[in-house]
Amino acid sequence: MCGCLYLPEDAAYIPHTLVLDLDETLILSHFRRSRGWRTFKRPGASDFLKHMAQFYEVIVFSDQTSMYVDPIIERLDKNRFLAGRLAREANQYVEGEYLRDLTKLNRDVGTVLYITARPSTSIQQENVVQISPYVVDSEGRTAGGVDTTLLDLMPFLESIVRLNVRDVREVIASY
């Protein structure tokens, strides 16, 4: 299996693809010796997915294994807004790091945006929209108060679609 995404023949045409990194973008997995691993959903993640699915083909891309990704996505995307998911198998391993290769999506790379808190995880840097990482304190509360990062990004992402931007890399370069 190549870890690539293909659209079914009867799929509706959506001209842009929004790729979301999983860790530190949509969720944060946090370990404490007293309770073990816990996974926290970034505030606004569900509303963000629901809203963006109206405009984009939304895909989650992670450097973690499918065994880690699949249960998290099943809980995060109960209403099935995501068009797909790619895990470690679809990454390229380069010099000790798993890198997202957006060509694995089989889409025109000029129509793909990659939202991440870790921009070094992408081979196609010109497609990256960097956001602040999701951080929680030792009690699992959002560090620094209310996190509205994803919700604040929605007008920008929506305008790309409404203006029918042909090559998102030009807009990202000026963002």
Protein backbone atom coordinates (compact mmCIF):
# COMPACT_ATOMS: atom_id res chain seq x y z
CA MET A 1 0.00 0.00 0.00
CA CYS A 2 1.42 3.40 -1.00
CA GLY A 3 -0.40 5.50 1.61
CA CYS A 4 -1.92 7.67 -1.14
CA LEU A 5 -5.42 9.14 -1.33
CA TYR A 6 -7.69 8.71 -4.32
CA LEU A 7 -11.11 10.24 -4.78
CA PRO A 8 -14.03 7.95 -5.62
CA GLU A 9 -15.36 8.53 -9.13
CA ASP A 10 -18.68 9.89 -7.80
CA ALA A 11 -17.06 12.35 -5.36
CA ALA A 12 -18.16 15.98 -5.47
CA TYR A 13 -15.54 18.33 -6.87
CA ILE A 14 -13.90 20.47 -4.19
CA PRO A 15 -11.09 22.58 -5.67
CA HIS A 16 -8.94 22.97 -2.53
CA THR A 17 -7.52 20.53 -0.01
CA LEU A 18 -6.86 21.43 3.61
CA VAL A 19 -4.32 19.17 5.30
CA LEU A 20 -4.18 19.31 9.08
CA ASP A 21 -1.34 18.01 11.18
CA LEU A 22 -2.70 16.00 14.08
CA ASP A 23 -0.28 16.51 16.98
CA GLU A 24 -0.04 20.02 18.44
CA THR A 25 -2.46 21.27 15.78
CA LEU A 26 -5.74 19.43 16.47
CA ILE A 27 -4.80 17.51 19.59
CA LEU A 28 -2.05 17.18 22.18
CA SER A 29 -1.04 13.94 23.82
CA HIS A 30 0.35 14.58 27.26
CA PHE A 31 2.04 12.18 29.69
CA ARG A 32 2.09 12.40 33.47
CA ARG A 33 3.53 9.67 35.59
CA SER A 34 0.52 9.78 37.94
CA ARG A 35 -2.10 9.19 35.22
CA GLY A 36 -0.29 8.05 32.09
CA TRP A 37 -1.16 9.31 28.63
CA ARG A 38 -4.06 11.67 28.00
CA THR A 39 -5.11 13.24 24.74
CA PHE A 40 -6.57 16.73 24.69
CA LYS A 41 -8.61 18.16 21.82
CA ARG A 42 -7.71 21.72 20.89
CA PRO A 43 -10.55 24.15 21.68
CA GLY A 44 -12.62 24.84 18.59
CA ALA A 45 -11.32 21.77 16.71
CA SER A 46 -14.76 20.26 16.15
CA ASP A 47 -16.30 23.54 14.98
CA PHE A 48 -13.28 24.16 12.76
CA LEU A 49 -13.62 20.75 11.07
CA LYS A 50 -17.36 21.19 10.57
CA HIS A 51 -16.99 24.65 9.05
CA MET A 52 -13.96 23.92 6.87
CA ALA A 53 -15.56 20.75 5.44
CA GLN A 54 -18.03 23.07 3.65
CA PHE A 55 -15.18 24.62 1.68
CA TYR A 56 -12.34 22.10 1.57
CA GLU A 57 -11.53 18.48 1.23
CA VAL A 58 -10.16 18.10 4.79
CA ILE A 59 -7.45 15.54 5.49
CA VAL A 60 -5.45 14.76 8.62
CA PHE A 61 -1.78 13.87 8.12
CA SER A 62 0.29 12.51 11.00
CA ASP A 63 3.73 11.08 11.57
CA GLN A 64 2.28 8.63 14.09
CA THR A 65 1.24 5.07 13.28
CA SER A 66 -2.31 4.19 12.21
CA MET A 67 -2.79 2.44 15.55
CA TYR A 68 -2.36 5.82 17.26
CA VAL A 69 -4.13 7.97 14.65
CA ASP A 70 -7.26 5.94 13.90
CA PRO A 71 -8.83 5.87 17.41
CA ILE A 72 -8.15 9.58 17.88
CA ILE A 73 -9.70 10.47 14.52
CA GLU A 74 -12.72 8.25 15.23
CA ARG A 75 -13.42 10.27 18.40
CA LEU A 76 -12.48 13.65 16.91
CA ASP A 77 -14.53 13.23 13.72
CA LYS A 78 -17.74 11.59 14.92
CA ASN A 79 -19.78 13.49 12.30
CA ARG A 80 -17.49 12.40 9.44
CA PHE A 81 -16.29 15.77 8.19
CA LEU A 82 -12.85 14.45 7.26
CA ALA A 83 -12.32 13.21 3.73
CA GLY A 84 -9.28 11.16 4.68
CA ARG A 85 -6.33 10.52 6.92
CA LEU A 86 -2.73 9.63 6.34
CA ALA A 87 -0.40 8.19 8.97
CA ARG A 88 3.29 7.36 9.29
CA GLU A 89 3.17 4.97 6.35
CA ALA A 90 2.59 7.91 3.99
CA ASN A 91 5.50 9.96 5.36
CA GLN A 92 9.04 10.00 4.03
CA TYR A 93 11.71 9.16 6.57
CA VAL A 94 14.58 11.61 6.03
CA GLU A 95 17.52 12.06 8.39
CA GLY A 96 15.64 10.78 11.43
CA GLU A 97 12.37 12.65 10.79
CA TYR A 98 9.04 11.68 9.28
CA LEU A 99 8.16 14.30 6.67
CA ARG A 100 4.77 14.89 5.04
CA ASP A 101 4.95 14.70 1.28
CA LEU A 102 1.87 16.48 -0.05
CA THR A 103 2.29 14.80 -3.43
CA LYS A 104 1.00 11.64 -1.70
CA LEU A 105 -2.43 13.27 -1.81
CA ASN A 106 -2.57 12.97 -5.61
CA ARG A 107 -3.85 16.55 -5.83
CA ASP A 108 -2.47 19.64 -7.56
CA VAL A 109 -0.05 20.85 -4.86
CA GLY A 110 -0.98 24.43 -5.74
CA THR A 111 -4.44 23.80 -4.25
CA VAL A 112 -3.20 22.22 -0.99
CA LEU A 113 -2.73 24.06 2.32
CA TYR A 114 -0.93 22.33 5.19
CA ILE A 115 -1.81 23.68 8.65
CA THR A 116 0.73 22.74 11.31
CA ALA A 117 2.45 23.91 14.46
CA ARG A 118 5.58 22.10 13.25
CA PRO A 119 6.44 23.49 9.80
CA SER A 120 9.62 21.43 9.52
CA THR A 121 7.42 18.34 9.05
CA SER A 122 6.57 19.22 5.44
CA ILE A 123 8.63 18.64 2.33
CA GLN A 124 6.62 21.33 0.51
CA GLN A 125 7.39 24.35 2.73
CA GLU A 126 5.62 26.74 0.38
CA ASN A 127 2.29 25.08 1.30
CA VAL A 128 2.68 25.47 5.06
CA VAL A 129 0.53 27.75 7.19
CA GLN A 130 2.17 27.76 10.59
CA ILE A 131 0.08 28.15 13.72
CA SER A 132 1.03 28.21 17.38
CA PRO A 133 1.28 24.78 19.01
CA TYR A 134 -1.52 23.64 21.27
CA VAL A 135 -0.18 23.55 24.82
CA VAL A 136 -1.76 22.44 28.08
CA ASP A 137 -0.55 22.90 31.64
CA SER A 138 0.16 20.10 34.10
CA GLU A 139 -3.57 19.82 34.90
CA GLY A 140 -4.65 19.55 31.27
CA ARG A 141 -5.94 23.12 31.01
CA THR A 142 -5.16 25.23 27.96
CA ALA A 143 -1.95 27.04 28.80
CA GLY A 144 -2.13 30.81 28.47
CA GLY A 145 -5.91 31.07 28.68
CA VAL A 146 -8.40 30.54 25.85
CA ASP A 147 -6.98 29.07 22.63
CA THR A 148 -8.80 30.41 19.56
CA THR A 149 -6.07 29.60 17.03
CA LEU A 150 -8.17 27.41 14.73
CA LEU A 151 -11.23 29.64 14.89
CA ASP A 152 -9.09 32.71 14.11
CA LEU A 153 -7.77 30.98 11.00
CA MET A 154 -11.21 30.34 9.48
CA PRO A 155 -11.75 33.74 7.74
CA PHE A 156 -8.37 33.46 5.99
CA LEU A 157 -9.04 29.89 4.81
CA GLU A 158 -12.58 30.72 3.76
CA SER A 159 -11.39 33.71 1.69
CA ILE A 160 -9.03 31.48 -0.32
CA VAL A 161 -11.99 29.44 -1.49
CA ARG A 162 -14.37 32.36 -1.97
CA LEU A 163 -11.76 34.19 -4.09
CA ASN A 164 -11.10 30.96 -5.99
CA VAL A 165 -7.34 31.25 -5.53
CA ARG A 166 -5.65 29.12 -8.20
CA ASP A 167 -2.30 28.71 -6.42
CA VAL A 168 -2.45 28.90 -2.64
CA ARG A 169 1.35 29.09 -2.39
CA GLU A 170 1.26 32.70 -3.60
CA VAL A 171 -1.22 33.66 -0.88
CA ILE A 172 0.69 31.74 1.80
CA ALA A 173 3.92 33.51 0.84
CA SER A 174 2.28 36.88 1.61
CA TYR A 175 0.38 35.67 4.71
